Amino acid sequence: MLPEDLMLLFLDEETGRVLMDTTSIHNALAGAVLLELVNSGRVAFDADGKTLAVVDPAPLPNEFLQESLSRLTKPMKPQQAVEKLRTHVRDNVMAQLEGRGVLSVEKTKMLGIFPTTSYVIQDPQAVSDLRDAVGNVALGHRAPDDRTGALISLLYAVKALHKVFDGDRREMNARAKEIAAGNWAGVAVKKALEAVQVALMAMMVATTVAATSVSSS
């Protein structure tokens, strides 16, 4: 699933270290979950094109996605939907990855006092294959498909490409901007992705403004 792939890209494939701040990761993962729900046909835009709503309440086979779907209790704007889906999203995605045997989650205490979580990659080949597939597109060696295009667009929206992949930051961002504007996805997913990108960028700005206000007070 898209959220799982995205989370793996946020981890150093050798050390399991998280490469991005928590807020950006949670926002991006929630955006990926929303895209999965749209792609499943359970969520779609209303006639006004501005709000999303559940259009098919049929149970999803994946418990995590089903629980996420249940949070969208009324029509709402994409940013509101992302905010609804943020709660515990990282823990839930990690549980999915742990269940697949891709990684293990280890709870420890720093200095014997402070609780901390570390991630151990158990299937390095799966992570390496994913990073190669997405990295080749991010660096312009291959054209995007539905999966790689969505992942790069989400990383771009939270300004994470240069932290996830080595390469010239300006060139990668320019490439990602082109990919985000491309026609590699279906109409419904493309529309949802554009809305999610706008929402994530707005949330990034709000977070930055809030942090600046706190530091200057």
Protein backbone atom coordinates (compact mmCIF):
# COMPACT_ATOMS: atom_id res chain seq x y z
CA MET A 1 0.00 0.00 0.00
CA LEU A 2 1.00 3.58 -0.62
CA PRO A 3 1.30 4.57 3.08
CA GLU A 4 3.61 1.61 3.78
CA ASP A 5 5.85 2.41 0.81
CA LEU A 6 5.99 6.04 1.85
CA MET A 7 6.98 5.16 5.42
CA LEU A 8 9.79 2.94 4.18
CA LEU A 9 11.14 5.85 2.14
CA PHE A 10 11.23 7.93 5.32
CA LEU A 11 13.63 5.40 6.91
CA ASP A 12 17.34 4.95 6.37
CA GLU A 13 17.53 1.52 4.77
CA GLU A 14 20.63 0.53 6.75
CA THR A 15 20.04 1.99 10.19
CA GLY A 16 16.24 2.33 10.28
CA ARG A 17 16.72 5.95 11.37
CA VAL A 18 13.82 8.29 10.56
CA LEU A 19 14.87 10.85 7.96
CA MET A 20 12.12 13.44 8.40
CA ASP A 21 10.35 15.26 11.21
CA THR A 22 7.30 13.68 12.83
CA THR A 23 4.76 16.30 11.72
CA SER A 24 5.72 16.03 8.04
CA ILE A 25 5.65 12.23 8.19
CA HIS A 26 2.21 12.13 9.79
CA ASN A 27 0.80 14.61 7.28
CA ALA A 28 2.25 12.75 4.30
CA LEU A 29 1.11 9.34 5.55
CA ALA A 30 -2.43 10.66 6.14
CA GLY A 31 -2.40 12.02 2.60
CA ALA A 32 -1.33 8.61 1.30
CA VAL A 33 -4.16 6.93 3.22
CA LEU A 34 -6.65 9.35 1.68
CA LEU A 35 -5.35 8.51 -1.78
CA GLU A 36 -5.77 4.80 -1.05
CA LEU A 37 -9.39 5.39 -0.03
CA VAL A 38 -10.06 7.35 -3.22
CA ASN A 39 -8.35 4.71 -5.33
CA SER A 40 -10.49 2.02 -3.67
CA GLY A 41 -13.63 3.84 -4.80
CA ARG A 42 -14.83 4.37 -1.23
CA VAL A 43 -14.21 8.13 -1.17
CA ALA A 44 -14.81 10.69 -3.91
CA PHE A 45 -15.32 14.40 -4.46
CA ASP A 46 -18.81 15.84 -4.19
CA ALA A 47 -20.38 17.61 -7.17
CA ASP A 48 -18.90 20.92 -6.03
CA GLY A 49 -15.40 19.51 -6.46
CA LYS A 50 -14.30 20.99 -3.15
CA THR A 51 -15.27 18.40 -0.55
CA LEU A 52 -14.65 14.67 -0.18
CA ALA A 53 -17.19 12.18 1.09
CA VAL A 54 -17.64 8.45 1.54
CA VAL A 55 -19.56 7.20 -1.50
CA ASP A 56 -19.27 3.47 -0.85
CA PRO A 57 -19.42 2.31 2.80
CA ALA A 58 -18.78 -1.34 1.90
CA PRO A 59 -16.17 -2.85 4.29
CA LEU A 60 -12.58 -2.87 3.10
CA PRO A 61 -10.52 -6.06 3.47
CA ASN A 62 -7.72 -4.14 5.15
CA GLU A 63 -8.57 -3.33 8.78
CA PHE A 64 -6.33 -0.26 8.87
CA LEU A 65 -7.98 1.29 5.80
CA GLN A 66 -11.43 0.38 7.12
CA GLU A 67 -10.73 2.12 10.41
CA SER A 68 -9.44 5.14 8.49
CA LEU A 69 -12.58 5.21 6.35
CA SER A 70 -14.76 5.23 9.46
CA ARG A 71 -13.20 8.57 10.49
CA LEU A 72 -14.64 10.37 7.47
CA THR A 73 -18.10 10.72 8.96
CA LYS A 74 -19.28 13.64 6.82
CA PRO A 75 -18.26 15.56 3.69
CA MET A 76 -15.14 17.62 4.35
CA LYS A 77 -12.38 19.50 2.61
CA PRO A 78 -9.19 17.56 1.79
CA GLN A 79 -7.18 19.28 4.53
CA GLN A 80 -9.81 18.34 7.11
CA ALA A 81 -9.75 14.77 5.86
CA VAL A 82 -5.96 14.62 6.17
CA GLU A 83 -6.21 15.99 9.71
CA LYS A 84 -8.82 13.33 10.58
CA LEU A 85 -6.55 10.58 9.26
CA ARG A 86 -3.40 11.75 11.08
CA THR A 87 -4.19 10.25 14.47
CA HIS A 88 -1.97 7.20 15.16
CA VAL A 89 -1.30 6.90 11.40
CA ARG A 90 2.42 6.24 11.80
CA ASP A 91 1.91 3.57 14.47
CA ASN A 92 -0.76 1.90 12.32
CA VAL A 93 1.44 1.92 9.22
CA MET A 94 4.36 0.52 11.20
CA ALA A 95 2.11 -2.26 12.49
CA GLN A 96 1.25 -3.12 8.88
CA LEU A 97 4.93 -3.28 7.94
CA GLU A 98 5.77 -5.32 11.03
CA GLY A 99 2.95 -7.73 10.19
CA ARG A 100 4.45 -8.23 6.73
CA GLY A 101 7.87 -8.93 8.24
CA VAL A 102 9.48 -5.95 6.52
CA LEU A 103 10.68 -4.40 9.76
CA SER A 104 10.44 -4.79 13.52
CA VAL A 105 9.59 -2.09 16.01
CA GLU A 106 11.68 -2.02 19.19
CA LYS A 107 10.76 0.00 22.28
CA THR A 108 13.76 1.03 24.38
CA LYS A 109 14.74 3.76 26.84
CA MET A 110 17.37 6.37 26.14
CA LEU A 111 19.75 6.68 29.10
CA GLY A 112 17.50 4.17 30.79
CA ILE A 113 14.87 6.86 31.32
CA PHE A 114 13.34 8.34 28.16
CA PRO A 115 11.11 6.02 26.05
CA THR A 116 12.26 5.76 22.45
CA THR A 117 11.33 3.68 19.42
CA SER A 118 13.76 2.19 16.92
CA TYR A 119 13.07 0.37 13.67
CA VAL A 120 15.04 -2.62 12.41
CA ILE A 121 14.77 -3.47 8.72
CA GLN A 122 14.10 -7.20 8.39
CA ASP A 123 13.64 -7.31 4.61
CA PRO A 124 16.37 -5.07 3.17
CA GLN A 125 15.75 -6.32 -0.37
CA ALA A 126 12.16 -5.05 -0.34
CA VAL A 127 13.31 -1.65 0.90
CA SER A 128 16.17 -1.51 -1.61
CA ASP A 129 13.88 -2.41 -4.51
CA LEU A 130 11.42 0.29 -3.49
CA ARG A 131 14.11 2.95 -3.14
CA ASP A 132 15.58 2.01 -6.52
CA ALA A 133 12.20 2.21 -8.25
CA VAL A 134 11.27 5.59 -6.77
CA GLY A 135 14.79 7.00 -6.87
CA ASN A 136 15.18 6.25 -10.58
CA VAL A 137 12.05 8.29 -11.27
CA ALA A 138 13.03 11.09 -8.89
CA LEU A 139 16.39 11.40 -10.64
CA GLY A 140 14.83 11.36 -14.11
CA HIS A 141 16.03 7.91 -15.21
CA ARG A 142 12.52 6.50 -15.63
CA ALA A 143 9.01 7.77 -16.26
CA PRO A 144 6.57 7.67 -13.33
CA ASP A 145 3.75 5.18 -12.94
CA ASP A 146 0.79 5.37 -10.54
CA ARG A 147 2.84 4.20 -7.58
CA THR A 148 6.10 6.10 -8.04
CA GLY A 149 4.35 9.24 -9.24
CA ALA A 150 2.16 9.40 -6.14
CA LEU A 151 5.07 8.72 -3.77
CA ILE A 152 7.25 11.42 -5.30
CA SER A 153 4.38 13.91 -5.31
CA LEU A 154 3.76 13.28 -1.61
CA LEU A 155 7.45 13.60 -0.74
CA TYR A 156 7.62 16.83 -2.72
CA ALA A 157 4.59 18.24 -0.91
CA VAL A 158 6.32 17.93 2.48
CA LYS A 159 9.74 19.00 1.14
CA ALA A 160 11.30 15.61 1.84
CA LEU A 161 12.83 14.55 -1.48
CA HIS A 162 16.32 15.84 -0.74
CA LYS A 163 16.26 14.19 2.69
CA VAL A 164 15.15 10.83 1.33
CA PHE A 165 17.33 10.67 -1.80
CA ASP A 166 20.83 11.87 -2.62
CA GLY A 167 21.03 14.27 -5.53
CA ASP A 168 20.78 17.91 -6.50
CA ARG A 169 17.92 19.38 -4.48
CA ARG A 170 16.89 21.92 -7.11
CA GLU A 171 16.89 19.41 -9.94
CA MET A 172 14.92 16.84 -7.97
CA ASN A 173 12.32 19.40 -6.92
CA ALA A 174 11.95 20.61 -10.50
CA ARG A 175 11.51 17.02 -11.65
CA ALA A 176 9.00 16.33 -8.87
CA LYS A 177 7.00 19.41 -9.83
CA GLU A 178 6.78 18.10 -13.39
CA ILE A 179 5.75 14.67 -12.14
CA ALA A 180 3.05 16.13 -9.90
CA ALA A 181 1.59 17.93 -12.93
CA GLY A 182 1.81 14.84 -15.19
CA ASN A 183 -0.92 12.56 -16.52
CA TRP A 184 0.26 9.21 -15.10
CA ALA A 185 -2.80 8.64 -12.87
CA GLY A 186 -6.53 8.22 -13.41
CA VAL A 187 -8.81 11.26 -13.20
CA ALA A 188 -10.16 10.54 -9.69
CA VAL A 189 -6.77 9.80 -8.16
CA LYS A 190 -5.16 12.74 -9.96
CA LYS A 191 -7.78 15.13 -8.64
CA ALA A 192 -7.39 13.75 -5.12
CA LEU A 193 -3.59 13.95 -5.32
CA GLU A 194 -3.71 17.59 -6.36
CA ALA A 195 -6.04 18.36 -3.47
CA VAL A 196 -3.86 16.43 -1.01
CA GLN A 197 -0.75 18.27 -2.19
CA VAL A 198 -2.42 21.64 -1.63
CA ALA A 199 -3.54 20.50 1.81
CA LEU A 200 -0.09 19.22 2.81
CA MET A 201 1.63 22.39 1.63
CA ALA A 202 -0.85 24.53 3.57
CA MET A 203 -0.24 22.43 6.67
CA MET A 204 3.53 22.82 6.22
CA VAL A 205 3.15 26.60 6.08
CA ALA A 206 0.91 26.61 9.16
CA THR A 207 3.44 24.50 11.09
CA THR A 208 6.30 26.80 10.11
CA VAL A 209 4.38 29.92 11.11
CA ALA A 210 3.44 28.36 14.45
CA ALA A 211 7.04 27.37 15.15
CA THR A 212 8.28 30.85 14.23
CA SER A 213 5.71 32.46 16.51
CA VAL A 214 6.76 30.26 19.44
CA SER A 215 10.47 30.92 18.94
CA SER A 216 9.98 34.68 18.73
CA SER A 217 7.71 34.93 21.76
